Amino acid sequence: QGPEFVRKHIFNKHGEKIAEVRKEVLFFNNFLLDPKRPALPDGKGGPPPGPAQ
């Protein structure tokens, strides 16, 4: 009963926070799957940076 009680409590008492998080996750996943999203350049230009001298 323990884990199920906690699950029910969270969904019943903190449903608005769960809805916020789900909305944010949906937004972020859609952003990651968007082929036209801004992205960093590939970085194939030169050797990786070494230690500072």
PDB file of N, CA and C in Angstrom:
ATOM      1  N   GLN A   1       0.826  -1.198   0.000  1.00  0.00           N
ATOM      2  CA  GLN A   1       0.000   0.000   0.000  1.00  0.00           C
ATOM      3  C   GLN A   1       0.867   1.257   0.000  1.00  0.00           C
ATOM      4  N   GLY A   2       2.054   1.225   0.514  1.00  0.00           N
ATOM      5  CA  GLY A   2       2.891   2.406   0.651  1.00  0.00           C
ATOM      6  C   GLY A   2       3.095   3.186  -0.631  1.00  0.00           C
ATOM      7  N   PRO A   3       3.712   2.585  -1.656  1.00  0.00           N
ATOM      8  CA  PRO A   3       3.959   3.344  -2.887  1.00  0.00           C
ATOM      9  C   PRO A   3       2.672   3.824  -3.568  1.00  0.00           C
ATOM     10  N   GLU A   4       1.632   3.003  -3.528  1.00  0.00           N
ATOM     11  CA  GLU A   4       0.367   3.401  -4.160  1.00  0.00           C
ATOM     12  C   GLU A   4      -0.265   4.574  -3.410  1.00  0.00           C
ATOM     13  N   PHE A   5      -0.163   4.580  -2.087  1.00  0.00           N
ATOM     14  CA  PHE A   5      -0.676   5.697  -1.292  1.00  0.00           C
ATOM     15  C   PHE A   5       0.042   6.992  -1.656  1.00  0.00           C
ATOM     16  N   VAL A   6       1.363   6.913  -1.769  1.00  0.00           N
ATOM     17  CA  VAL A   6       2.150   8.102  -2.115  1.00  0.00           C
ATOM     18  C   VAL A   6       1.757   8.595  -3.500  1.00  0.00           C
ATOM     19  N   ARG A   7       1.624   7.674  -4.439  1.00  0.00           N
ATOM     20  CA  ARG A   7       1.242   8.043  -5.808  1.00  0.00           C
ATOM     21  C   ARG A   7      -0.119   8.743  -5.822  1.00  0.00           C
ATOM     22  N   LYS A   8      -1.094   8.170  -5.126  1.00  0.00           N
ATOM     23  CA  LYS A   8      -2.427   8.778  -5.086  1.00  0.00           C
ATOM     24  C   LYS A   8      -2.385  10.147  -4.422  1.00  0.00           C
ATOM     25  N   HIS A   9      -1.617  10.263  -3.349  1.00  0.00           N
ATOM     26  CA  HIS A   9      -1.504  11.546  -2.653  1.00  0.00           C
ATOM     27  C   HIS A   9      -0.941  12.614  -3.582  1.00  0.00           C
ATOM     28  N   ILE A  10       0.131  12.276  -4.277  1.00  0.00           N
ATOM     29  CA  ILE A  10       0.766  13.257  -5.170  1.00  0.00           C
ATOM     30  C   ILE A  10      -0.207  13.683  -6.262  1.00  0.00           C
ATOM     31  N   PHE A  11      -0.879  12.726  -6.893  1.00  0.00           N
ATOM     32  CA  PHE A  11      -1.809  13.072  -7.967  1.00  0.00           C
ATOM     33  C   PHE A  11      -3.018  13.850  -7.455  1.00  0.00           C
ATOM     34  N   ASN A  12      -3.489  13.545  -6.258  1.00  0.00           N
ATOM     35  CA  ASN A  12      -4.668  14.232  -5.727  1.00  0.00           C
ATOM     36  C   ASN A  12      -4.348  15.602  -5.150  1.00  0.00           C
ATOM     37  N   LYS A  13      -3.245  15.725  -4.453  1.00  0.00           N
ATOM     38  CA  LYS A  13      -2.937  16.970  -3.749  1.00  0.00           C
ATOM     39  C   LYS A  13      -2.029  17.909  -4.537  1.00  0.00           C
ATOM     40  N   HIS A  14      -1.317  17.391  -5.514  1.00  0.00           N
ATOM     41  CA  HIS A  14      -0.348  18.206  -6.254  1.00  0.00           C
ATOM     42  C   HIS A  14      -0.551  18.079  -7.762  1.00  0.00           C
ATOM     43  N   GLY A  15      -1.792  17.899  -8.162  1.00  0.00           N
ATOM     44  CA  GLY A  15      -2.123  17.714  -9.570  1.00  0.00           C
ATOM     45  C   GLY A  15      -1.735  18.888 -10.446  1.00  0.00           C
ATOM     46  N   GLU A  16      -1.854  20.117  -9.916  1.00  0.00           N
ATOM     47  CA  GLU A  16      -1.515  21.293 -10.724  1.00  0.00           C
ATOM     48  C   GLU A  16      -0.022  21.319 -11.042  1.00  0.00           C
ATOM     49  N   LYS A  17       0.809  20.890 -10.102  1.00  0.00           N
ATOM     50  CA  LYS A  17       2.258  20.856 -10.349  1.00  0.00           C
ATOM     51  C   LYS A  17       2.588  19.769 -11.375  1.00  0.00           C
ATOM     52  N   ILE A  18       1.912  18.641 -11.295  1.00  0.00           N
ATOM     53  CA  ILE A  18       2.127  17.562 -12.261  1.00  0.00           C
ATOM     54  C   ILE A  18       1.743  18.033 -13.655  1.00  0.00           C
ATOM     55  N   ALA A  19       0.640  18.761 -13.765  1.00  0.00           N
ATOM     56  CA  ALA A  19       0.214  19.284 -15.067  1.00  0.00           C
ATOM     57  C   ALA A  19       1.251  20.257 -15.623  1.00  0.00           C
ATOM     58  N   GLU A  20       1.817  21.112 -14.763  1.00  0.00           N
ATOM     59  CA  GLU A  20       2.864  22.048 -15.203  1.00  0.00           C
ATOM     60  C   GLU A  20       4.072  21.293 -15.749  1.00  0.00           C
ATOM     61  N   VAL A  21       4.510  20.287 -15.013  1.00  0.00           N
ATOM     62  CA  VAL A  21       5.696  19.525 -15.424  1.00  0.00           C
ATOM     63  C   VAL A  21       5.423  18.791 -16.730  1.00  0.00           C
ATOM     64  N   ARG A  22       4.243  18.196 -16.865  1.00  0.00           N
ATOM     65  CA  ARG A  22       3.913  17.495 -18.111  1.00  0.00           C
ATOM     66  C   ARG A  22       3.916  18.450 -19.297  1.00  0.00           C
ATOM     67  N   LYS A  23       3.382  19.657 -19.092  1.00  0.00           N
ATOM     68  CA  LYS A  23       3.353  20.659 -20.158  1.00  0.00           C
ATOM     69  C   LYS A  23       4.775  21.049 -20.557  1.00  0.00           C
ATOM     70  N   GLU A  24       5.625  21.232 -19.554  1.00  0.00           N
ATOM     71  CA  GLU A  24       7.016  21.601 -19.813  1.00  0.00           C
ATOM     72  C   GLU A  24       7.765  20.477 -20.538  1.00  0.00           C
ATOM     73  N   VAL A  25       7.533  19.247 -20.129  1.00  0.00           N
ATOM     74  CA  VAL A  25       8.177  18.095 -20.770  1.00  0.00           C
ATOM     75  C   VAL A  25       7.721  17.976 -22.217  1.00  0.00           C
ATOM     76  N   LEU A  26       6.438  18.154 -22.465  1.00  0.00           N
ATOM     77  CA  LEU A  26       5.917  18.094 -23.828  1.00  0.00           C
ATOM     78  C   LEU A  26       6.558  19.169 -24.698  1.00  0.00           C
ATOM     79  N   PHE A  27       6.652  20.388 -24.161  1.00  0.00           N
ATOM     80  CA  PHE A  27       7.280  21.485 -24.889  1.00  0.00           C
ATOM     81  C   PHE A  27       8.730  21.151 -25.219  1.00  0.00           C
ATOM     82  N   PHE A  28       9.484  20.681 -24.230  1.00  0.00           N
ATOM     83  CA  PHE A  28      10.903  20.384 -24.420  1.00  0.00           C
ATOM     84  C   PHE A  28      11.097  19.242 -25.416  1.00  0.00           C
ATOM     85  N   ASN A  29      10.292  18.186 -25.306  1.00  0.00           N
ATOM     86  CA  ASN A  29      10.409  17.067 -26.248  1.00  0.00           C
ATOM     87  C   ASN A  29      10.083  17.510 -27.669  1.00  0.00           C
ATOM     88  N   ASN A  30       9.060  18.347 -27.826  1.00  0.00           N
ATOM     89  CA  ASN A  30       8.739  18.867 -29.157  1.00  0.00           C
ATOM     90  C   ASN A  30       9.881  19.706 -29.701  1.00  0.00           C
ATOM     91  N   PHE A  31      10.523  20.481 -28.839  1.00  0.00           N
ATOM     92  CA  PHE A  31      11.673  21.278 -29.255  1.00  0.00           C
ATOM     93  C   PHE A  31      12.802  20.371 -29.736  1.00  0.00           C
ATOM     94  N   LEU A  32      13.101  19.325 -28.988  1.00  0.00           N
ATOM     95  CA  LEU A  32      14.193  18.424 -29.367  1.00  0.00           C
ATOM     96  C   LEU A  32      13.909  17.691 -30.674  1.00  0.00           C
ATOM     97  N   LEU A  33      12.652  17.395 -30.936  1.00  0.00           N
ATOM     98  CA  LEU A  33      12.295  16.660 -32.149  1.00  0.00           C
ATOM     99  C   LEU A  33      12.115  17.563 -33.364  1.00  0.00           C
ATOM    100  N   ASP A  34      12.135  18.878 -33.164  1.00  0.00           N
ATOM    101  CA  ASP A  34      11.931  19.824 -34.257  1.00  0.00           C
ATOM    102  C   ASP A  34      13.161  19.859 -35.160  1.00  0.00           C
ATOM    103  N   PRO A  35      13.022  19.464 -36.429  1.00  0.00           N
ATOM    104  CA  PRO A  35      14.187  19.471 -37.323  1.00  0.00           C
ATOM    105  C   PRO A  35      14.670  20.877 -37.657  1.00  0.00           C
ATOM    106  N   LYS A  36      13.844  21.884 -37.453  1.00  0.00           N
ATOM    107  CA  LYS A  36      14.225  23.260 -37.784  1.00  0.00           C
ATOM    108  C   LYS A  36      14.676  24.054 -36.559  1.00  0.00           C
ATOM    109  N   ARG A  37      14.881  23.390 -35.438  1.00  0.00           N
ATOM    110  CA  ARG A  37      15.287  24.118 -34.236  1.00  0.00           C
ATOM    111  C   ARG A  37      16.705  24.642 -34.372  1.00  0.00           C
ATOM    112  N   PRO A  38      17.019  25.718 -33.684  1.00  0.00           N
ATOM    113  CA  PRO A  38      18.394  26.217 -33.715  1.00  0.00           C
ATOM    114  C   PRO A  38      19.328  25.187 -33.076  1.00  0.00           C
ATOM    115  N   ALA A  39      20.498  25.027 -33.670  1.00  0.00           N
ATOM    116  CA  ALA A  39      21.452  24.055 -33.142  1.00  0.00           C
ATOM    117  C   ALA A  39      22.851  24.645 -33.200  1.00  0.00           C
ATOM    118  N   LEU A  40      23.715  24.108 -32.392  1.00  0.00           N
ATOM    119  CA  LEU A  40      25.105  24.531 -32.409  1.00  0.00           C
ATOM    120  C   LEU A  40      25.779  24.000 -33.667  1.00  0.00           C
ATOM    121  N   PRO A  41      26.807  24.685 -34.157  1.00  0.00           N
ATOM    122  CA  PRO A  41      27.537  24.158 -35.312  1.00  0.00           C
ATOM    123  C   PRO A  41      28.179  22.814 -34.972  1.00  0.00           C
ATOM    124  N   ASP A  42      28.461  22.034 -36.004  1.00  0.00           N
ATOM    125  CA  ASP A  42      29.002  20.690 -35.802  1.00  0.00           C
ATOM    126  C   ASP A  42      30.345  20.689 -35.080  1.00  0.00           C
ATOM    127  N   GLY A  43      31.163  21.697 -35.280  1.00  0.00           N
ATOM    128  CA  GLY A  43      32.435  21.766 -34.584  1.00  0.00           C
ATOM    129  C   GLY A  43      33.521  20.935 -35.239  1.00  0.00           C
ATOM    130  N   LYS A  44      33.450  20.764 -36.544  1.00  0.00           N
ATOM    131  CA  LYS A  44      34.446  19.968 -37.262  1.00  0.00           C
ATOM    132  C   LYS A  44      35.601  20.843 -37.752  1.00  0.00           C
ATOM    133  N   GLY A  45      35.710  22.073 -37.251  1.00  0.00           N
ATOM    134  CA  GLY A  45      36.682  23.033 -37.749  1.00  0.00           C
ATOM    135  C   GLY A  45      38.121  22.735 -37.396  1.00  0.00           C
ATOM    136  N   GLY A  46      38.423  22.487 -36.171  1.00  0.00           N
ATOM    137  CA  GLY A  46      39.806  22.315 -35.779  1.00  0.00           C
ATOM    138  C   GLY A  46      39.946  21.312 -34.658  1.00  0.00           C
ATOM    139  N   PRO A  47      41.170  21.190 -34.147  1.00  0.00           N
ATOM    140  CA  PRO A  47      41.385  20.236 -33.047  1.00  0.00           C
ATOM    141  C   PRO A  47      40.693  20.721 -31.776  1.00  0.00           C
ATOM    142  N   PRO A  48      40.380  19.808 -30.888  1.00  0.00           N
ATOM    143  CA  PRO A  48      39.739  20.222 -29.636  1.00  0.00           C
ATOM    144  C   PRO A  48      40.683  21.101 -28.827  1.00  0.00           C
ATOM    145  N   PRO A  49      40.126  22.003 -28.049  1.00  0.00           N
ATOM    146  CA  PRO A  49      40.988  22.890 -27.263  1.00  0.00           C
ATOM    147  C   PRO A  49      41.790  22.101 -26.237  1.00  0.00           C
ATOM    148  N   GLY A  50      43.043  22.449 -26.112  1.00  0.00           N
ATOM    149  CA  GLY A  50      43.919  21.790 -25.150  1.00  0.00           C
ATOM    150  C   GLY A  50      43.987  22.588 -23.868  1.00  0.00           C
ATOM    151  N   PRO A  51      44.856  22.184 -22.966  1.00  0.00           N
ATOM    152  CA  PRO A  51      44.999  22.940 -21.713  1.00  0.00           C
ATOM    153  C   PRO A  51      45.578  24.328 -21.978  1.00  0.00           C
ATOM    154  N   ALA A  52      45.143  25.283 -21.209  1.00  0.00           N
ATOM    155  CA  ALA A  52      45.617  26.665 -21.372  1.00  0.00           C
ATOM    156  C   ALA A  52      47.080  26.772 -20.966  1.00  0.00           C
ATOM    157  N   GLN A  53      47.827  27.567 -21.706  1.00  0.00           N
ATOM    158  CA  GLN A  53      49.255  27.710 -21.385  1.00  0.00           C
ATOM    159  C   GLN A  53      49.567  29.095 -20.939  1.00  0.00           C
TER     160      GLN A  53
END
